[in-house]
Amino acid sequence: MKVLFIGDIVGSVGRGAVKKVLPALKSKYNPHIIIANGENAAAGRGITAAIAKELFDAGVHGITMGNHTWDNRDLFEWIDDEPRIVRPANFPPGAPGSGAAVIKANGKKLGIINLQGRTFLPPIDCPFRAADELIDEMRNETNQILVDFHAEATSEKIAMGWYLDGRASLVVGTHTHVQTNDDRILPEGTAYLTDVGMVGPRDGVLGMERTAVLRRFLTQLPTRFVVDEGDWHFHALLLETDESTGKAVSIQKIRLTEEELMFF
């Protein structure tokens, strides 16, 4: 099975890039299921029902979230009715929505699990114990399992990769918006990448307008960040799995700029 996982989509620039790039990626790689991280899709903070529909209409089959999950409060009104969106499973009990789902498309099934790290992020419930519980449940339905670990610390992400080696098809990091160069298949068959990167403005700072970010660093005063405009870059990965075992066969990073798309 082929799975395309798209990095954190940032604002309208990122959403526009997804709509422009996906037809070319689908033509070249023919993925069965497409998953994207959407926690920054609404002006850099959270997601709305209209934006979720926009991404689904563009060809995305499932959406993962992260620490900005609740930034658009209308999400509380509809997330329980949208099984294709998962928020971090280790939010404390009582949070709306679900942290895991089985996505079905093109005759295939993929389990997706969203977890949030605790190092340099709010100290929510343990992501490692949440992973144990969810993977055991999910393997009753499918052995094709993708884990989006939305975390700040590289060490915590690497630890999760080793912890789930042999139990997940892919452990991929999101949140830091910079694609790392450590893609590999771990010894027990789990594909791993510390961070897949982002989709959105190329010349900002992690997608935000850089003048405001520089002002914050220089003055340490409160500063309002807004999503940058201009040219985009697109980061994703392509996973291929052995459907009989759920183990990864290959993992390939994808990195495109707006200029490169015309030659892709």
Protein backbone atom coordinates (compact mmCIF):
# COMPACT_ATOMS: atom_id res chain seq x y z
CA MET A 1 0.00 0.00 0.00
CA LYS A 2 1.17 3.53 -0.76
CA VAL A 3 0.46 6.35 1.70
CA LEU A 4 1.19 10.03 1.13
CA PHE A 5 1.62 12.04 4.34
CA ILE A 6 1.65 15.83 3.99
CA GLY A 7 3.39 18.05 6.54
CA ASP A 8 1.77 20.81 8.60
CA ILE A 9 -0.42 22.90 6.26
CA VAL A 10 -0.01 26.58 7.19
CA GLY A 11 -2.75 29.06 6.30
CA SER A 12 -4.28 29.85 2.93
CA VAL A 13 -0.87 29.72 1.22
CA GLY A 14 -0.43 26.14 2.40
CA ARG A 15 -3.94 25.15 1.40
CA GLY A 16 -3.40 26.62 -2.04
CA ALA A 17 -0.17 24.66 -2.40
CA VAL A 18 -1.92 21.41 -1.52
CA LYS A 19 -4.50 21.98 -4.25
CA LYS A 20 -1.78 22.76 -6.79
CA VAL A 21 0.62 19.94 -5.90
CA LEU A 22 -1.68 17.01 -5.15
CA PRO A 23 -2.70 16.31 -8.77
CA ALA A 24 0.97 15.99 -9.77
CA LEU A 25 1.81 13.77 -6.80
CA LYS A 26 -1.21 11.54 -7.41
CA SER A 27 -0.22 11.17 -11.05
CA LYS A 28 3.41 10.35 -10.27
CA TYR A 29 3.09 8.17 -7.16
CA ASN A 30 -0.51 6.88 -7.23
CA PRO A 31 -0.98 6.82 -3.43
CA HIS A 32 -3.92 4.82 -2.11
CA ILE A 33 -4.47 7.03 0.96
CA ILE A 34 -3.50 10.66 1.61
CA ILE A 35 -3.16 12.05 5.15
CA ALA A 36 -2.26 15.63 6.10
CA ASN A 37 -1.55 17.51 9.30
CA GLY A 38 -4.05 20.38 9.47
CA GLU A 39 -3.50 21.98 12.86
CA ASN A 40 -2.19 25.22 11.31
CA ALA A 41 -4.55 25.29 8.33
CA ALA A 42 -6.72 28.20 9.56
CA ALA A 43 -4.45 31.27 9.52
CA GLY A 44 -1.79 29.24 11.31
CA ARG A 45 -4.00 28.23 14.24
CA GLY A 46 -6.37 25.30 14.21
CA ILE A 47 -8.90 24.29 11.58
CA THR A 48 -12.50 25.11 10.68
CA ALA A 49 -15.24 22.94 9.20
CA ALA A 50 -15.02 24.85 5.91
CA ILE A 51 -11.25 24.36 5.69
CA ALA A 52 -11.52 20.67 6.52
CA LYS A 53 -14.02 20.30 3.67
CA GLU A 54 -11.66 22.22 1.39
CA LEU A 55 -8.86 19.74 2.12
CA PHE A 56 -11.11 16.71 1.75
CA ASP A 57 -12.39 18.05 -1.57
CA ALA A 58 -8.76 18.46 -2.69
CA GLY A 59 -8.17 14.74 -2.19
CA VAL A 60 -7.02 14.39 1.42
CA HIS A 61 -8.57 11.34 3.12
CA GLY A 62 -7.66 12.01 6.76
CA ILE A 63 -6.41 14.94 8.86
CA THR A 64 -4.24 14.87 11.98
CA MET A 65 -3.92 17.76 14.43
CA GLY A 66 -1.66 18.95 17.30
CA ASN A 67 -1.24 21.58 20.01
CA HIS A 68 -3.32 24.16 18.08
CA THR A 69 -6.29 21.79 17.85
CA TRP A 70 -8.66 23.94 19.92
CA ASP A 71 -7.67 27.39 18.60
CA ASN A 72 -10.86 27.65 16.54
CA ARG A 73 -13.59 27.05 19.07
CA ASP A 74 -16.20 26.04 16.50
CA LEU A 75 -14.30 22.74 16.32
CA PHE A 76 -16.03 21.73 19.56
CA GLU A 77 -19.35 21.80 17.68
CA TRP A 78 -18.45 19.37 14.89
CA ILE A 79 -15.35 17.29 15.59
CA ASP A 80 -17.38 14.47 17.13
CA ASP A 81 -19.25 14.16 13.83
CA GLU A 82 -16.13 14.07 11.62
CA PRO A 83 -14.34 10.72 11.99
CA ARG A 84 -11.72 11.61 9.38
CA ILE A 85 -10.07 14.13 11.75
CA VAL A 86 -8.02 12.94 14.72
CA ARG A 87 -6.64 15.12 17.52
CA PRO A 88 -3.88 14.09 19.95
CA ALA A 89 -5.07 10.95 21.70
CA ASN A 90 -3.28 11.84 24.93
CA PHE A 91 -5.38 14.91 25.67
CA PRO A 92 -6.97 14.26 29.10
CA PRO A 93 -10.28 12.35 29.26
CA GLY A 94 -13.28 14.45 28.32
CA ALA A 95 -11.76 16.10 25.25
CA PRO A 96 -14.09 15.93 22.25
CA GLY A 97 -13.16 14.03 19.14
CA SER A 98 -10.97 10.97 18.84
CA GLY A 99 -7.25 10.35 18.78
CA ALA A 100 -7.40 7.49 16.29
CA ALA A 101 -9.33 6.43 13.23
CA VAL A 102 -9.29 3.87 10.45
CA ILE A 103 -9.34 5.62 7.08
CA LYS A 104 -10.77 3.67 4.13
CA ALA A 105 -10.06 4.68 0.54
CA ASN A 106 -9.37 2.96 -2.79
CA GLY A 107 -10.07 -0.42 -1.29
CA LYS A 108 -7.43 0.02 1.44
CA LYS A 109 -7.53 0.61 5.20
CA LEU A 110 -5.06 2.69 7.19
CA GLY A 111 -5.12 3.26 10.92
CA ILE A 112 -4.03 6.76 11.93
CA ILE A 113 -3.06 7.78 15.46
CA ASN A 114 -2.25 11.32 16.59
CA LEU A 115 -0.10 11.89 19.68
CA GLN A 116 1.37 15.04 21.24
CA GLY A 117 4.73 15.28 22.97
CA ARG A 118 5.24 16.70 26.46
CA THR A 119 8.77 18.11 26.26
CA PHE A 120 8.54 21.93 25.78
CA LEU A 121 4.78 21.53 25.26
CA PRO A 122 1.89 21.40 27.79
CA PRO A 123 2.28 18.42 30.18
CA ILE A 124 -0.71 16.37 29.02
CA ASP A 125 -1.12 12.61 29.44
CA CYS A 126 1.66 10.19 28.49
CA PRO A 127 1.89 9.69 24.70
CA PHE A 128 3.76 6.40 25.06
CA ARG A 129 1.03 4.76 27.16
CA ALA A 130 -1.64 6.18 24.86
CA ALA A 131 0.20 4.62 21.90
CA ASP A 132 0.26 1.23 23.62
CA GLU A 133 -3.49 1.24 24.16
CA LEU A 134 -4.48 2.50 20.73
CA ILE A 135 -2.16 0.30 18.69
CA ASP A 136 -3.34 -2.83 20.50
CA GLU A 137 -6.94 -1.89 19.68
CA MET A 138 -6.23 -0.87 16.09
CA ARG A 139 -4.34 -4.02 15.17
CA ASN A 140 -7.62 -5.92 15.55
CA GLU A 141 -8.81 -4.09 12.41
CA THR A 142 -5.64 -3.34 10.44
CA ASN A 143 -1.89 -3.81 10.64
CA GLN A 144 -1.29 -0.70 8.49
CA ILE A 145 -0.79 1.99 11.16
CA LEU A 146 0.50 5.56 10.82
CA VAL A 147 1.45 7.52 13.93
CA ASP A 148 1.74 11.32 13.70
CA PHE A 149 3.77 12.35 16.76
CA HIS A 150 3.29 16.10 17.11
CA ALA A 151 6.21 17.05 19.33
CA GLU A 152 8.90 19.69 19.85
CA ALA A 153 11.88 17.70 21.08
CA THR A 154 13.87 15.61 18.62
CA SER A 155 14.83 13.21 21.42
CA GLU A 156 11.19 12.54 22.32
CA LYS A 157 10.33 11.83 18.69
CA ILE A 158 13.26 9.46 18.21
CA ALA A 159 12.33 7.67 21.43
CA MET A 160 8.79 7.16 20.14
CA GLY A 161 10.13 5.73 16.90
CA TRP A 162 12.15 3.12 18.76
CA TYR A 163 9.28 2.46 21.18
CA LEU A 164 6.88 1.63 18.36
CA ASP A 165 9.34 -0.15 16.06
CA GLY A 166 7.63 -3.25 14.75
CA ARG A 167 4.19 -2.13 15.93
CA ALA A 168 3.50 0.78 13.56
CA SER A 169 4.09 1.06 9.83
CA LEU A 170 5.23 4.67 10.19
CA VAL A 171 6.13 7.04 13.01
CA VAL A 172 6.43 10.56 11.61
CA GLY A 173 7.07 13.76 13.51
CA THR A 174 5.23 17.01 12.94
CA HIS A 175 5.14 20.45 14.64
CA THR A 176 8.62 21.90 14.03
CA HIS A 177 7.94 22.64 10.33
CA VAL A 178 11.50 21.84 9.17
CA GLN A 179 11.99 18.63 7.23
CA THR A 180 14.73 16.46 8.73
CA ASN A 181 17.14 14.19 6.87
CA ASP A 182 16.93 11.06 9.01
CA ASP A 183 14.33 9.02 7.12
CA ARG A 184 14.95 5.31 7.61
CA ILE A 185 13.31 1.96 8.24
CA LEU A 186 14.03 0.77 11.77
CA PRO A 187 15.16 -2.83 12.39
CA GLU A 188 11.70 -4.24 13.15
CA GLY A 189 10.08 -2.66 10.09
CA THR A 190 8.76 0.76 11.16
CA ALA A 191 9.51 3.69 8.84
CA TYR A 192 10.64 6.79 10.73
CA LEU A 193 11.20 10.52 10.09
CA THR A 194 11.78 13.04 12.88
CA ASP A 195 9.88 15.82 11.10
CA VAL A 196 8.15 15.80 7.73
CA GLY A 197 8.23 19.60 7.39
CA MET A 198 5.47 22.01 6.38
CA VAL A 199 3.37 23.23 3.48
CA GLY A 200 3.11 27.00 3.30
CA PRO A 201 5.06 30.25 2.97
CA ARG A 202 8.70 29.61 2.15
CA ASP A 203 10.25 32.94 3.14
CA GLY A 204 8.73 33.40 6.59
CA VAL A 205 9.82 31.83 9.86
CA LEU A 206 8.07 28.46 10.12
CA GLY A 207 5.34 29.98 7.98
CA MET A 208 4.94 33.19 9.97
CA GLU A 209 5.78 36.68 8.63
CA ARG A 210 9.44 37.12 9.53
CA THR A 211 9.49 40.82 10.53
CA ALA A 212 7.20 40.16 13.49
CA VAL A 213 9.21 37.11 14.54
CA LEU A 214 12.47 39.07 14.40
CA ARG A 215 10.90 41.84 16.47
CA ARG A 216 9.93 39.30 19.10
CA PHE A 217 13.46 37.88 19.29
CA LEU A 218 15.07 41.32 19.39
CA THR A 219 12.74 42.97 21.93
CA GLN A 220 11.19 40.05 23.84
CA LEU A 221 7.93 42.06 23.74
CA PRO A 222 4.55 40.50 22.93
CA THR A 223 4.14 40.38 19.15
CA ARG A 224 1.25 39.25 17.00
CA PHE A 225 2.33 36.65 14.47
CA VAL A 226 0.53 36.34 11.14
CA VAL A 227 0.97 33.84 8.33
CA ASP A 228 3.34 35.09 5.67
CA GLU A 229 2.38 35.54 2.01
CA GLY A 230 4.33 34.84 -1.14
CA ASP A 231 5.90 31.69 -2.57
CA TRP A 232 5.29 28.35 -0.91
CA HIS A 233 7.22 25.16 -0.30
CA PHE A 234 5.70 21.71 0.06
CA HIS A 235 7.01 18.93 2.29
CA ALA A 236 5.62 15.41 2.50
CA LEU A 237 6.65 11.76 2.48
CA LEU A 238 5.63 8.68 0.58
CA LEU A 239 5.36 5.41 2.48
CA GLU A 240 5.03 1.98 0.94
CA THR A 241 4.06 -0.95 3.13
CA ASP A 242 3.83 -4.71 2.87
CA GLU A 243 0.09 -5.31 3.24
CA SER A 244 0.58 -8.82 4.62
CA THR A 245 2.73 -7.66 7.55
CA GLY A 246 2.16 -3.92 7.93
CA LYS A 247 5.89 -3.34 7.83
CA ALA A 248 7.42 -0.54 5.78
CA VAL A 249 8.98 -1.36 2.41
CA SER A 250 10.20 2.16 1.63
CA ILE A 251 10.03 5.76 2.81
CA GLN A 252 10.73 8.71 0.53
CA LYS A 253 10.87 12.40 1.45
CA ILE A 254 9.16 14.86 -0.89
CA ARG A 255 10.29 18.47 -1.06
CA LEU A 256 9.04 20.93 -3.68
CA THR A 257 9.10 24.68 -4.17
CA GLU A 258 6.66 26.66 -6.25
CA GLU A 259 9.26 27.06 -8.98
CA GLU A 260 10.08 23.35 -9.05
CA LEU A 261 6.47 22.25 -9.49
CA MET A 262 6.45 23.23 -13.17
CA PHE A 263 9.30 20.77 -13.82
CA PHE A 264 8.00 17.99 -11.55
